[in-house]
Amino acid sequence: MSRADMDRLLAEAIAPERRAFRIAGALAAAATIAAVLLLGLSGWFITGAALAGLGGVLAAQGFNYLVPSAMIRLLAIVRTTARYGERLYGHRAALMALATVRARLFNRILSVRDVRAVSAGDTVTRLVQDIGALEDSLVRRPALPAALAGAVIGLVLAWLASPWASLALLALIAGLALWANLATPRLLTIAATDIAAALARLKVGMVDYASASPEILAYDLAPAIERSLAVETAELDRARRRFARGEAVIDAGLTLGGGIAMGAVLAISNAPLPMTVLAVLASAGAIETLSGYIRGVSRGALVTAALARLEDMAGPHSAPIPAKSASGPIGRSIALDRGGVHVRLESGERLGIAGQSGSGKTSLLETLAGIRPPDRNSGICLDGQPIEALPPETVRAAFALSPQDAQLLSGTVRDNLRVARSGLSDKQLWAALEVACLAVDVRTMPHGLDQWVGDGGARLSGGQLKRLSIARAVLAAKPWLLLDEPSEGLDMVTEARLARRLDTWLRDTGTGLVVVSHRGALLALAGKDDGSILEIGGSSQSSP
């Protein structure tokens, strides 16, 4: 994904929320104007009241405190209400826009031909951490109109003290904004890139180690893992300290600028003391409103690093060879012509595959399922077209795979089943569990379909995990069912029951079957109804 693609994706995601962002910007400007006016008016009111008190009883009685008091209360209400509205509209718009970005990027991952090459830890980091950085930048979008509004109202109020004071404040505001934009690349960009890289490495390591937690516990590797993670954590801390020091320098410049602005207005002003105090405080407020904008500029280094990582998230996409578009349903036929073996299966037919470990049985199923990129001349055709000439989405639409090492979500039984297809009812879920011989097990669980399966199915036995994967593949309702060692971890009685129920389901639905197994019961299932059994390295044998 190029930077232009990423920019286009962000623009498309933001477009539906553009009105909300405009409202948030207007409310931020209103809140800033109210805040600067409130600060200046409060200073004017306190100073005027003090001078009236010093002037004696008559001066104090003649001082009108009702109108300023009402204005102060009104400005406080406007500031609070506008700030709340800006947060409400701005955050909602940012969250909705980035929900779209996450979904689009997830779809980009699914379009990768070699799904196995996608790192889980790296993907999580980019979908969460990097998009979180974009979220921060979108939330800060109203900071620019707020800073402009604060600068304008500050300049107007400084003009009341002296036109020269207003010009001095304008020069200072422009200088601070320019300094922030020039200092950020030097002080923060490298540190921001290092933070993103270090945090990504740490998260990838933690995800990888978590997936190997049983082995880590069994071989007492926890101390070594902790030392390894401590090194990554130390690198992350160092990068964060460098970034914090850079931000501190920028904040110090902003604070110094505020002090200089107040001193300059105070020195240049030739207005009465109450108006001078109003102008001094308003200039301080105007500089303060720049802080949100400058902080957004400084955080822009993190956003740039995040965008750089998101640009190539989907990886290289191999362009498919042009092929004639298929007409009619997908997956009407499969043809294998490789290694001296010639097999053609029509819709609803079955094929069993046996062979020694390492002979390529699983690789064949993964290629059919569209999660392993096919060779240029793979010898596999789908509906008469070479599988390497078809987009991955087309190939995946024809096959439902239950792999040898099934991956489960860290959720409930229901969550894992509904991954197969949207709109599934509980009745359909139970029917699939019956086919997979898992319904009895799930019914005996304390929460049934809502039973938590743990991280990657850690709370299930190997046989239960395998059968849950089969039920999920059954629910996908695709033309072909691919099973890789479906009876692994099952006793002979359950294996025979599973074979019978799968046979019935395949007959009833007309679904085709390709099964890899070294167990006779499942290979016999493939040999029924004029199916065939393919011995990798041997020949295709028609069943009697």
Protein backbone atom coordinates (compact mmCIF):
# COMPACT_ATOMS: atom_id res chain seq x y z
CA MET A 1 0.00 0.00 0.00
CA SER A 2 1.58 3.28 -1.10
CA ARG A 3 1.35 6.57 0.79
CA ALA A 4 -1.11 7.78 -1.86
CA ASP A 5 -3.29 4.72 -1.18
CA MET A 6 -3.12 5.37 2.55
CA ASP A 7 -4.01 9.04 2.10
CA ARG A 8 -6.91 8.05 -0.15
CA LEU A 9 -8.11 5.53 2.42
CA LEU A 10 -8.01 8.14 5.19
CA ALA A 11 -9.84 10.66 3.00
CA GLU A 12 -12.58 8.14 2.22
CA ALA A 13 -12.93 7.24 5.90
CA ILE A 14 -13.08 10.88 7.00
CA ALA A 15 -15.51 11.99 4.27
CA PRO A 16 -18.72 10.77 6.02
CA GLU A 17 -17.59 12.51 9.22
CA ARG A 18 -16.54 15.80 7.63
CA ARG A 19 -19.60 17.64 8.96
CA ALA A 20 -18.89 16.39 12.49
CA PHE A 21 -15.27 17.56 12.22
CA ARG A 22 -16.45 21.00 11.07
CA ILE A 23 -18.82 21.24 14.02
CA ALA A 24 -16.03 20.15 16.36
CA GLY A 25 -13.73 22.81 14.90
CA ALA A 26 -16.37 25.54 15.29
CA LEU A 27 -17.07 24.51 18.88
CA ALA A 28 -13.34 24.42 19.65
CA ALA A 29 -13.00 27.96 18.28
CA ALA A 30 -15.98 29.11 20.37
CA ALA A 31 -14.54 27.51 23.50
CA THR A 32 -11.18 29.17 22.90
CA ILE A 33 -12.68 32.61 22.30
CA ALA A 34 -14.73 32.26 25.47
CA ALA A 35 -11.66 31.13 27.43
CA VAL A 36 -9.50 34.06 26.30
CA LEU A 37 -12.30 36.58 26.89
CA LEU A 38 -12.99 35.04 30.29
CA LEU A 39 -9.36 35.33 31.32
CA GLY A 40 -9.01 38.91 30.11
CA LEU A 41 -12.39 40.07 31.46
CA SER A 42 -11.67 38.50 34.84
CA GLY A 43 -8.39 40.40 35.05
CA TRP A 44 -10.08 43.64 33.99
CA PHE A 45 -12.89 43.11 36.53
CA ILE A 46 -10.57 42.35 39.46
CA THR A 47 -8.27 45.25 38.64
CA GLY A 48 -11.17 47.67 38.13
CA ALA A 49 -12.79 46.59 41.39
CA ALA A 50 -9.49 47.06 43.23
CA LEU A 51 -9.02 50.56 41.82
CA ALA A 52 -12.62 51.44 42.66
CA GLY A 53 -12.03 50.30 46.21
CA LEU A 54 -8.92 52.42 46.46
CA GLY A 55 -10.90 55.43 45.17
CA GLY A 56 -13.12 55.54 48.22
CA VAL A 57 -16.73 54.73 49.08
CA LEU A 58 -18.30 56.75 46.29
CA ALA A 59 -16.08 55.19 43.63
CA ALA A 60 -16.78 51.72 44.97
CA GLN A 61 -20.55 52.35 45.01
CA GLY A 62 -20.43 53.71 41.47
CA PHE A 63 -18.58 50.68 40.11
CA ASN A 64 -20.94 48.47 38.07
CA TYR A 65 -20.08 44.90 38.99
CA LEU A 66 -23.34 43.27 37.80
CA VAL A 67 -22.67 43.35 34.05
CA PRO A 68 -19.06 42.05 34.28
CA SER A 69 -20.18 39.33 36.71
CA ALA A 70 -22.93 38.22 34.34
CA MET A 71 -20.52 38.25 31.40
CA ILE A 72 -17.99 36.17 33.31
CA ARG A 73 -20.63 33.61 34.21
CA LEU A 74 -21.92 33.53 30.61
CA LEU A 75 -18.42 33.06 29.19
CA ALA A 76 -17.73 30.25 31.68
CA ILE A 77 -20.91 28.46 30.59
CA VAL A 78 -20.10 28.96 26.89
CA ARG A 79 -16.56 27.68 27.38
CA THR A 80 -17.69 24.55 29.23
CA THR A 81 -20.56 23.76 26.86
CA ALA A 82 -18.52 24.36 23.71
CA ARG A 83 -15.62 22.29 25.02
CA TYR A 84 -17.95 19.41 25.82
CA GLY A 85 -19.52 19.60 22.36
CA GLU A 86 -16.11 19.72 20.69
CA ARG A 87 -15.00 16.60 22.58
CA LEU A 88 -18.27 14.83 21.78
CA TYR A 89 -18.29 15.56 18.04
CA GLY A 90 -14.52 15.31 17.55
CA HIS A 91 -14.02 12.01 19.33
CA ARG A 92 -17.10 10.44 17.77
CA ALA A 93 -16.00 11.46 14.28
CA ALA A 94 -12.46 10.20 14.86
CA LEU A 95 -13.62 6.86 16.25
CA MET A 96 -16.11 6.29 13.43
CA ALA A 97 -13.55 7.20 10.75
CA LEU A 98 -10.88 4.93 12.17
CA ALA A 99 -13.32 2.06 12.57
CA THR A 100 -13.63 2.25 8.79
CA VAL A 101 -9.84 2.39 8.39
CA ARG A 102 -9.37 -0.70 10.55
CA ALA A 103 -11.97 -2.64 8.58
CA ARG A 104 -10.42 -1.61 5.24
CA LEU A 105 -6.92 -2.56 6.39
CA PHE A 106 -8.19 -5.89 7.70
CA ASN A 107 -9.68 -6.56 4.28
CA ARG A 108 -6.32 -5.69 2.74
CA ILE A 109 -4.70 -8.36 4.91
CA LEU A 110 -7.24 -10.89 3.67
CA SER A 111 -6.26 -10.12 0.08
CA VAL A 112 -2.68 -11.26 0.67
CA ARG A 113 -1.98 -14.49 -1.20
CA ASP A 114 0.34 -15.93 1.46
CA VAL A 115 -1.73 -15.47 4.63
CA ARG A 116 0.80 -17.54 6.58
CA ALA A 117 3.39 -14.78 6.10
CA VAL A 118 1.29 -12.26 8.05
CA SER A 119 2.68 -11.90 11.58
CA ALA A 120 -0.03 -11.88 14.23
CA GLY A 121 1.92 -9.65 16.61
CA ASP A 122 2.90 -7.16 13.92
CA THR A 123 -0.65 -7.04 12.59
CA VAL A 124 -2.09 -6.39 16.06
CA THR A 125 0.47 -3.63 16.60
CA ARG A 126 -0.44 -1.88 13.37
CA LEU A 127 -4.20 -2.25 13.74
CA VAL A 128 -4.14 -1.02 17.35
CA GLN A 129 -1.06 1.08 18.09
CA ASP A 130 -0.49 2.73 14.72
CA ILE A 131 -4.15 3.46 14.07
CA GLY A 132 -4.31 4.77 17.64
CA ALA A 133 -1.70 7.34 16.62
CA LEU A 134 -3.91 8.33 13.68
CA GLU A 135 -6.84 8.58 16.07
CA ASP A 136 -4.88 11.03 18.21
CA SER A 137 -4.15 13.17 15.16
CA LEU A 138 -7.83 13.21 14.14
CA VAL A 139 -8.95 14.08 17.66
CA ARG A 140 -6.53 17.03 17.56
CA ARG A 141 -7.88 18.37 14.24
CA PRO A 142 -9.97 21.08 15.99
CA ALA A 143 -6.76 22.39 17.60
CA LEU A 144 -5.91 24.44 14.49
CA PRO A 145 -9.17 26.44 14.30
CA ALA A 146 -9.00 26.82 18.07
CA ALA A 147 -5.47 28.22 17.88
CA LEU A 148 -6.44 30.61 15.07
CA ALA A 149 -9.49 31.82 17.00
CA GLY A 150 -7.41 32.28 20.15
CA ALA A 151 -4.76 34.21 18.26
CA VAL A 152 -7.33 36.51 16.64
CA ILE A 153 -9.19 37.34 19.86
CA GLY A 154 -5.86 37.78 21.68
CA LEU A 155 -4.64 40.21 19.03
CA VAL A 156 -7.90 42.17 19.18
CA LEU A 157 -7.72 42.51 22.97
CA ALA A 158 -4.01 43.39 22.84
CA TRP A 159 -4.90 46.15 20.37
CA LEU A 160 -6.98 47.75 23.14
CA ALA A 161 -3.77 48.26 25.08
CA SER A 162 -1.71 49.43 22.10
CA PRO A 163 -1.51 48.66 18.37
CA TRP A 164 2.20 48.01 18.86
CA ALA A 165 1.40 45.46 21.56
CA SER A 166 -0.86 43.65 19.12
CA LEU A 167 1.88 43.62 16.46
CA ALA A 168 4.41 42.32 18.98
CA LEU A 169 2.02 39.53 19.98
CA LEU A 170 1.43 38.66 16.31
CA ALA A 171 5.17 38.36 15.68
CA LEU A 172 5.60 36.18 18.75
CA ILE A 173 2.71 33.84 17.82
CA ALA A 174 4.04 33.43 14.28
CA GLY A 175 7.54 32.80 15.62
CA LEU A 176 6.36 30.14 18.06
CA ALA A 177 4.33 28.33 15.39
CA LEU A 178 7.30 28.41 12.99
CA TRP A 179 9.70 27.24 15.71
CA ALA A 180 7.46 24.31 16.62
CA ASN A 181 7.24 23.18 13.00
CA LEU A 182 11.02 23.43 12.55
CA ALA A 183 11.99 21.92 15.90
CA THR A 184 9.70 18.88 15.71
CA PRO A 185 11.59 17.01 12.95
CA ARG A 186 14.91 17.55 14.71
CA LEU A 187 13.76 16.70 18.23
CA LEU A 188 11.06 14.09 17.80
CA THR A 189 11.02 12.27 14.46
CA ILE A 190 13.84 9.80 15.16
CA ALA A 191 12.56 9.13 18.68
CA ALA A 192 9.01 8.58 17.39
CA THR A 193 10.24 6.09 14.79
CA ASP A 194 12.26 4.27 17.46
CA ILE A 195 9.22 4.13 19.76
CA ALA A 196 7.06 2.60 17.03
CA ALA A 197 9.71 0.03 16.11
CA ALA A 198 10.55 -0.91 19.71
CA LEU A 199 6.91 -1.23 20.72
CA ALA A 200 6.18 -3.34 17.65
CA ARG A 201 9.07 -5.70 18.43
CA LEU A 202 7.94 -5.99 22.04
CA LYS A 203 4.34 -6.77 21.10
CA VAL A 204 5.37 -9.25 18.42
CA GLY A 205 7.59 -11.02 20.93
CA MET A 206 4.86 -11.14 23.57
CA VAL A 207 2.30 -12.53 21.12
CA ASP A 208 4.76 -15.15 19.88
CA TYR A 209 5.75 -16.16 23.40
CA ALA A 210 2.12 -16.29 24.51
CA SER A 211 1.34 -18.74 21.71
CA ALA A 212 4.14 -20.97 23.00
CA SER A 213 3.19 -20.67 26.68
CA PRO A 214 2.73 -24.45 27.27
CA GLU A 215 6.26 -25.17 26.01
CA ILE A 216 7.67 -22.24 27.99
CA LEU A 217 6.13 -23.59 31.20
CA ALA A 218 7.09 -27.19 30.44
CA TYR A 219 10.77 -26.38 29.86
CA ASP A 220 11.01 -23.63 32.51
CA LEU A 221 11.93 -20.98 29.95
CA ALA A 222 10.14 -18.11 31.70
CA PRO A 223 13.33 -16.50 33.17
CA ALA A 224 15.03 -16.49 29.76
CA ILE A 225 11.91 -15.03 28.13
CA GLU A 226 11.72 -12.32 30.79
CA ARG A 227 15.35 -11.36 30.12
CA SER A 228 14.67 -11.20 26.39
CA LEU A 229 11.61 -9.00 26.90
CA ALA A 230 13.52 -6.82 29.37
CA VAL A 231 15.96 -5.88 26.60
CA GLU A 232 13.10 -4.82 24.30
CA THR A 233 11.43 -2.95 27.16
CA ALA A 234 14.65 -1.06 27.93
CA GLU A 235 14.95 0.03 24.29
CA LEU A 236 11.34 1.22 24.34
CA ASP A 237 11.93 3.18 27.56
CA ARG A 238 15.02 4.87 26.10
CA ALA A 239 13.11 5.92 23.00
CA ARG A 240 10.24 7.26 25.10
CA ARG A 241 12.65 9.26 27.27
CA ARG A 242 14.19 10.84 24.16
CA PHE A 243 10.73 11.73 22.90
CA ALA A 244 9.72 13.16 26.30
CA ARG A 245 12.87 15.31 26.39
CA GLY A 246 12.06 16.67 22.95
CA GLU A 247 8.50 17.47 24.00
CA ALA A 248 9.82 19.15 27.15
CA VAL A 249 12.03 21.43 25.06
CA ILE A 250 9.07 22.41 22.88
CA ASP A 251 6.84 23.00 25.93
CA ALA A 252 9.57 25.08 27.55
CA GLY A 253 9.72 27.26 24.44
CA LEU A 254 5.96 27.71 24.60
CA THR A 255 6.08 28.68 28.28
CA LEU A 256 8.92 31.11 27.62
CA GLY A 257 6.95 32.59 24.73
CA GLY A 258 3.97 33.18 27.00
CA GLY A 259 6.12 35.02 29.51
CA ILE A 260 7.69 37.15 26.80
CA ALA A 261 4.25 37.98 25.37
CA MET A 262 2.95 39.14 28.74
CA GLY A 263 6.07 41.20 29.38
CA ALA A 264 6.00 42.78 25.93
CA VAL A 265 2.33 43.79 26.14
CA LEU A 266 2.84 45.14 29.65
CA ALA A 267 5.85 47.19 28.56
CA ILE A 268 4.28 48.56 25.38
CA SER A 269 0.76 49.27 26.69
CA ASN A 270 -0.29 52.90 27.15
CA ALA A 271 -3.88 52.09 28.18
CA PRO A 272 -5.38 52.42 31.67
CA LEU A 273 -4.36 49.73 34.15
CA PRO A 274 -7.57 47.60 33.86
CA MET A 275 -7.27 47.51 30.06
CA THR A 276 -3.56 46.74 30.33
CA VAL A 277 -4.27 43.79 32.62
CA LEU A 278 -6.98 42.61 30.21
CA ALA A 279 -4.52 42.75 27.29
CA VAL A 280 -1.72 41.04 29.22
CA LEU A 281 -3.91 38.14 30.31
CA ALA A 282 -5.49 37.87 26.85
CA SER A 283 -2.04 37.61 25.27
CA ALA A 284 -1.15 34.85 27.73
CA GLY A 285 -4.40 33.09 26.84
CA ALA A 286 -3.65 33.41 23.12
CA ILE A 287 -0.24 31.80 23.60
CA GLU A 288 -1.81 29.07 25.72
CA THR A 289 -4.27 28.21 22.95
CA LEU A 290 -1.27 27.49 20.74
CA SER A 291 -0.31 24.62 23.04
CA GLY A 292 -2.94 22.27 21.60
CA TYR A 293 -1.82 23.00 18.05
CA ILE A 294 1.89 22.73 18.88
CA ARG A 295 1.31 19.50 20.79
CA GLY A 296 -0.45 18.16 17.71
CA VAL A 297 2.54 19.18 15.58
CA SER A 298 4.91 17.43 17.97
CA ARG A 299 2.76 14.30 17.95
CA GLY A 300 2.83 14.46 14.17
CA ALA A 301 6.14 12.60 14.33
CA LEU A 302 4.34 9.61 15.83
CA VAL A 303 1.65 9.86 13.16
CA THR A 304 4.26 9.94 10.40
CA ALA A 305 5.92 6.83 11.83
CA ALA A 306 2.53 5.11 12.07
CA LEU A 307 1.66 5.97 8.47
CA ALA A 308 5.01 4.63 7.30
CA ARG A 309 4.24 1.30 8.97
CA LEU A 310 0.67 1.17 7.71
CA GLU A 311 1.64 1.89 4.10
CA ASP A 312 3.00 -1.62 3.52
CA MET A 313 0.64 -3.39 5.89
CA ALA A 314 -0.95 -5.55 3.23
CA GLY A 315 2.42 -6.42 1.73
CA PRO A 316 3.07 -7.03 -1.93
CA HIS A 317 0.08 -8.14 -3.95
CA SER A 318 0.85 -10.39 -6.83
CA ALA A 319 -1.15 -9.40 -9.85
CA PRO A 320 -3.16 -12.34 -11.14
CA ILE A 321 -2.75 -13.50 -14.69
CA PRO A 322 -5.73 -12.30 -16.72
CA ALA A 323 -8.32 -15.04 -16.96
CA LYS A 324 -11.75 -15.32 -18.40
CA SER A 325 -14.40 -14.52 -15.83
CA ALA A 326 -16.25 -17.58 -14.67
CA SER A 327 -19.94 -17.81 -15.31
CA GLY A 328 -22.31 -19.55 -12.95
CA PRO A 329 -21.53 -20.83 -9.45
CA ILE A 330 -17.94 -20.95 -8.22
CA GLY A 331 -16.30 -24.33 -7.58
CA ARG A 332 -18.13 -26.52 -10.09
CA SER A 333 -15.01 -28.60 -10.70
CA ILE A 334 -11.45 -29.20 -9.50
CA ALA A 335 -8.66 -30.65 -11.61
CA LEU A 336 -5.25 -31.83 -10.35
CA ASP A 337 -2.50 -32.50 -12.86
CA ARG A 338 0.80 -32.72 -11.00
CA GLY A 339 3.46 -35.29 -10.30
CA GLY A 340 2.07 -37.72 -12.85
CA VAL A 341 -1.34 -37.70 -11.14
CA HIS A 342 -4.46 -36.67 -13.07
CA VAL A 343 -7.65 -36.18 -11.07
CA ARG A 344 -10.83 -34.32 -11.96
CA LEU A 345 -13.63 -33.82 -9.47
CA GLU A 346 -17.07 -32.48 -10.25
CA SER A 347 -19.31 -30.72 -7.75
CA GLY A 348 -20.24 -33.02 -4.87
CA GLU A 349 -17.54 -35.62 -5.52
CA ARG A 350 -14.94 -36.72 -2.98
CA LEU A 351 -11.19 -37.21 -2.87
CA GLY A 352 -9.08 -38.76 -0.14
CA ILE A 353 -5.37 -38.00 0.06
CA ALA A 354 -2.85 -40.16 1.90
CA GLY A 355 0.92 -40.23 1.98
CA GLN A 356 4.00 -39.92 4.11
CA SER A 357 4.68 -36.90 6.30
CA GLY A 358 6.26 -34.10 4.30
CA SER A 359 4.88 -35.29 0.97
CA GLY A 360 2.88 -32.08 0.44
CA LYS A 361 -0.64 -33.08 1.50
CA THR A 362 -1.21 -30.09 3.78
CA SER A 363 0.43 -27.75 1.26
CA LEU A 364 -2.05 -28.93 -1.36
CA LEU A 365 -5.03 -28.18 0.90
CA GLU A 366 -3.64 -24.77 1.84
CA THR A 367 -3.16 -23.94 -1.83
CA LEU A 368 -6.74 -24.98 -2.59
CA ALA A 369 -8.00 -22.91 0.34
CA GLY A 370 -6.17 -19.82 -0.93
CA ILE A 371 -3.93 -19.32 2.10
CA ARG A 372 -0.73 -20.51 0.40
CA PRO A 373 0.37 -18.88 -2.89
CA PRO A 374 0.30 -21.44 -5.72
CA ASP A 375 3.32 -22.14 -7.88
CA ARG A 376 3.30 -20.57 -11.32
CA ASN A 377 2.42 -23.91 -12.90
CA SER A 378 0.67 -25.51 -9.97
CA GLY A 379 -1.29 -28.02 -12.01
CA ILE A 380 -4.45 -27.11 -10.09
CA CYS A 381 -7.50 -25.81 -11.93
CA LEU A 382 -10.75 -24.46 -10.52
CA ASP A 383 -13.66 -24.39 -12.97
CA GLY A 384 -11.21 -24.96 -15.80
CA GLN A 385 -8.94 -22.03 -14.90
CA PRO A 386 -5.46 -22.30 -13.36
CA ILE A 387 -5.75 -21.48 -9.68
CA GLU A 388 -2.76 -19.13 -9.88
CA ALA A 389 -4.70 -17.02 -12.41
CA LEU A 390 -7.58 -16.40 -10.01
CA PRO A 391 -7.76 -13.75 -7.27
CA PRO A 392 -7.39 -15.16 -3.73
CA GLU A 393 -10.94 -14.03 -2.91
CA THR A 394 -12.37 -16.16 -5.73
CA VAL A 395 -10.44 -19.24 -4.64
CA ARG A 396 -11.39 -18.82 -0.98
CA ALA A 397 -15.07 -18.50 -1.88
CA ALA A 398 -15.05 -22.10 -3.13
CA PHE A 399 -13.38 -23.88 -0.21
CA ALA A 400 -13.97 -24.22 3.54
CA LEU A 401 -10.87 -25.54 5.32
CA SER A 402 -10.56 -27.28 8.67
CA PRO A 403 -6.77 -27.24 9.08
CA GLN A 404 -4.61 -29.64 11.01
CA ASP A 405 -3.68 -26.91 13.50
CA ALA A 406 -6.88 -24.93 13.79
CA GLN A 407 -6.75 -21.33 15.01
CA LEU A 408 -9.51 -20.18 17.35
CA LEU A 409 -10.49 -16.73 18.54
CA SER A 410 -10.06 -15.86 22.19
CA GLY A 411 -13.81 -15.82 22.66
CA THR A 412 -16.79 -18.10 23.12
CA VAL A 413 -17.88 -21.18 21.20
CA ARG A 414 -20.53 -18.99 19.56
CA ASP A 415 -17.95 -16.38 18.52
CA ASN A 416 -15.77 -18.99 16.86
CA LEU A 417 -18.66 -20.56 14.98
CA ARG A 418 -20.06 -17.27 13.72
CA VAL A 419 -16.75 -16.46 12.07
CA ALA A 420 -17.82 -18.88 9.34
CA ARG A 421 -20.69 -16.79 8.00
CA SER A 422 -22.82 -13.84 9.03
CA GLY A 423 -26.44 -14.20 10.08
CA LEU A 424 -26.18 -17.67 11.60
CA SER A 425 -28.89 -18.70 14.07
CA ASP A 426 -28.37 -20.81 17.17
CA LYS A 427 -30.28 -23.62 15.45
CA GLN A 428 -27.71 -23.66 12.65
CA LEU A 429 -24.86 -23.58 15.15
CA TRP A 430 -26.24 -26.61 17.00
CA ALA A 431 -26.80 -28.46 13.72
CA ALA A 432 -23.15 -27.96 12.75
CA LEU A 433 -22.02 -29.10 16.20
CA GLU A 434 -24.10 -32.26 15.73
CA VAL A 435 -22.36 -32.97 12.42
CA ALA A 436 -18.98 -32.48 14.12
CA CYS A 437 -19.98 -34.71 17.09
CA LEU A 438 -19.42 -31.81 19.49
CA ALA A 439 -22.99 -30.90 20.47
CA VAL A 440 -23.01 -33.16 23.56
CA ASP A 441 -19.72 -31.68 24.79
CA VAL A 442 -20.96 -28.10 24.38
CA ARG A 443 -24.27 -28.85 26.11
CA THR A 444 -22.40 -30.18 29.15
CA MET A 445 -20.31 -27.00 29.38
CA PRO A 446 -21.52 -24.54 32.07
CA HIS A 447 -22.38 -21.81 29.57
CA GLY A 448 -23.09 -23.82 26.42
CA LEU A 449 -22.51 -21.77 23.28
CA ASP A 450 -21.33 -18.89 25.45
CA GLN A 451 -18.56 -20.98 27.02
CA TRP A 452 -15.20 -19.18 26.89
CA VAL A 453 -12.66 -21.29 24.97
CA GLY A 454 -9.56 -19.43 26.16
CA ASP A 455 -6.65 -18.02 24.21
CA GLY A 456 -6.51 -20.00 20.97
CA GLY A 457 -8.81 -22.67 22.43
CA ALA A 458 -6.60 -23.35 25.46
CA ARG A 459 -9.59 -24.52 27.54
CA LEU A 460 -10.57 -27.17 25.01
CA SER A 461 -9.04 -30.58 24.48
CA GLY A 462 -7.27 -31.31 21.22
CA GLY A 463 -10.20 -33.35 19.95
CA GLN A 464 -12.73 -30.67 20.90
CA LEU A 465 -10.67 -27.99 19.19
CA LYS A 466 -10.47 -30.11 16.04
CA ARG A 467 -14.22 -30.77 15.97
CA LEU A 468 -15.03 -27.10 16.60
CA SER A 469 -12.93 -26.29 13.55
CA ILE A 470 -14.88 -28.87 11.52
CA ALA A 471 -18.20 -27.38 12.68
CA ARG A 472 -17.00 -23.94 11.62
CA ALA A 473 -16.04 -25.24 8.17
CA VAL A 474 -19.44 -26.93 7.85
CA LEU A 475 -21.18 -23.63 8.67
CA ALA A 476 -19.28 -21.82 5.91
CA ALA A 477 -21.56 -23.59 3.39
CA LYS A 478 -19.05 -23.49 0.54
CA PRO A 479 -19.02 -25.85 -2.46
CA TRP A 480 -16.03 -27.83 -1.19
CA LEU A 481 -15.05 -28.99 2.30
CA LEU A 482 -11.32 -29.46 2.95
CA LEU A 483 -10.37 -31.56 5.98
CA ASP A 484 -6.79 -32.02 7.17
CA GLU A 485 -6.49 -34.96 9.60
CA PRO A 486 -10.04 -34.40 10.92
CA SER A 487 -9.98 -37.36 13.33
CA GLU A 488 -6.69 -36.52 15.00
CA GLY A 489 -7.10 -36.72 18.77
CA LEU A 490 -10.35 -38.72 18.56
CA ASP A 491 -11.01 -42.24 19.79
CA MET A 492 -12.18 -44.85 17.29
CA VAL A 493 -15.83 -44.68 18.35
CA THR A 494 -16.02 -40.89 17.94
CA GLU A 495 -14.06 -41.13 14.69
CA ALA A 496 -16.57 -43.61 13.23
CA ARG A 497 -19.50 -41.44 14.37
CA LEU A 498 -17.89 -38.35 12.84
CA ALA A 499 -17.38 -40.17 9.52
CA ARG A 500 -21.04 -41.27 9.42
CA ARG A 501 -22.39 -37.81 10.19
CA LEU A 502 -20.10 -36.13 7.69
CA ASP A 503 -21.20 -38.65 5.06
CA THR A 504 -24.86 -37.85 5.72
CA TRP A 505 -24.24 -34.10 5.67
CA LEU A 506 -22.23 -34.29 2.43
CA ARG A 507 -25.02 -36.27 0.75
CA ASP A 508 -27.74 -33.91 1.97
CA THR A 509 -25.96 -30.71 0.92
CA GLY A 510 -24.17 -31.92 -2.21
CA THR A 511 -20.89 -30.55 -0.89
CA GLY A 512 -17.66 -31.87 -2.37
CA LEU A 513 -14.92 -33.24 -0.10
CA VAL A 514 -11.14 -33.33 -0.15
CA VAL A 515 -9.79 -35.03 2.97
CA VAL A 516 -6.23 -35.67 4.08
CA SER A 517 -5.91 -38.49 6.60
CA HIS A 518 -3.88 -41.51 7.58
CA ARG A 519 -6.90 -43.11 9.27
CA GLY A 520 -8.96 -45.64 7.34
CA ALA A 521 -12.40 -44.45 8.48
CA LEU A 522 -11.99 -40.99 6.98
CA LEU A 523 -10.34 -42.27 3.80
CA ALA A 524 -13.23 -44.71 3.43
CA LEU A 525 -15.55 -41.70 3.65
CA ALA A 526 -13.75 -40.23 0.63
CA GLY A 527 -13.95 -43.50 -1.26
CA LYS A 528 -17.75 -43.59 -1.20
CA ASP A 529 -19.97 -42.56 -4.09
CA ASP A 530 -17.36 -43.19 -6.79
CA GLY A 531 -14.82 -41.06 -4.98
CA SER A 532 -11.09 -41.68 -5.21
CA ILE A 533 -8.12 -42.03 -2.92
CA LEU A 534 -4.91 -40.35 -3.98
CA GLU A 535 -1.62 -41.64 -2.62
CA ILE A 536 0.93 -38.83 -2.79
CA GLY A 537 3.86 -40.28 -4.65
CA GLY A 538 1.62 -43.11 -5.88
CA SER A 539 -1.44 -43.09 -8.10
CA SER A 540 -5.13 -42.24 -8.04
CA GLN A 541 -7.18 -45.26 -7.20
CA SER A 542 -10.90 -45.44 -7.83
CA SER A 543 -12.86 -46.92 -5.00
CA PRO A 544 -14.75 -50.12 -5.64
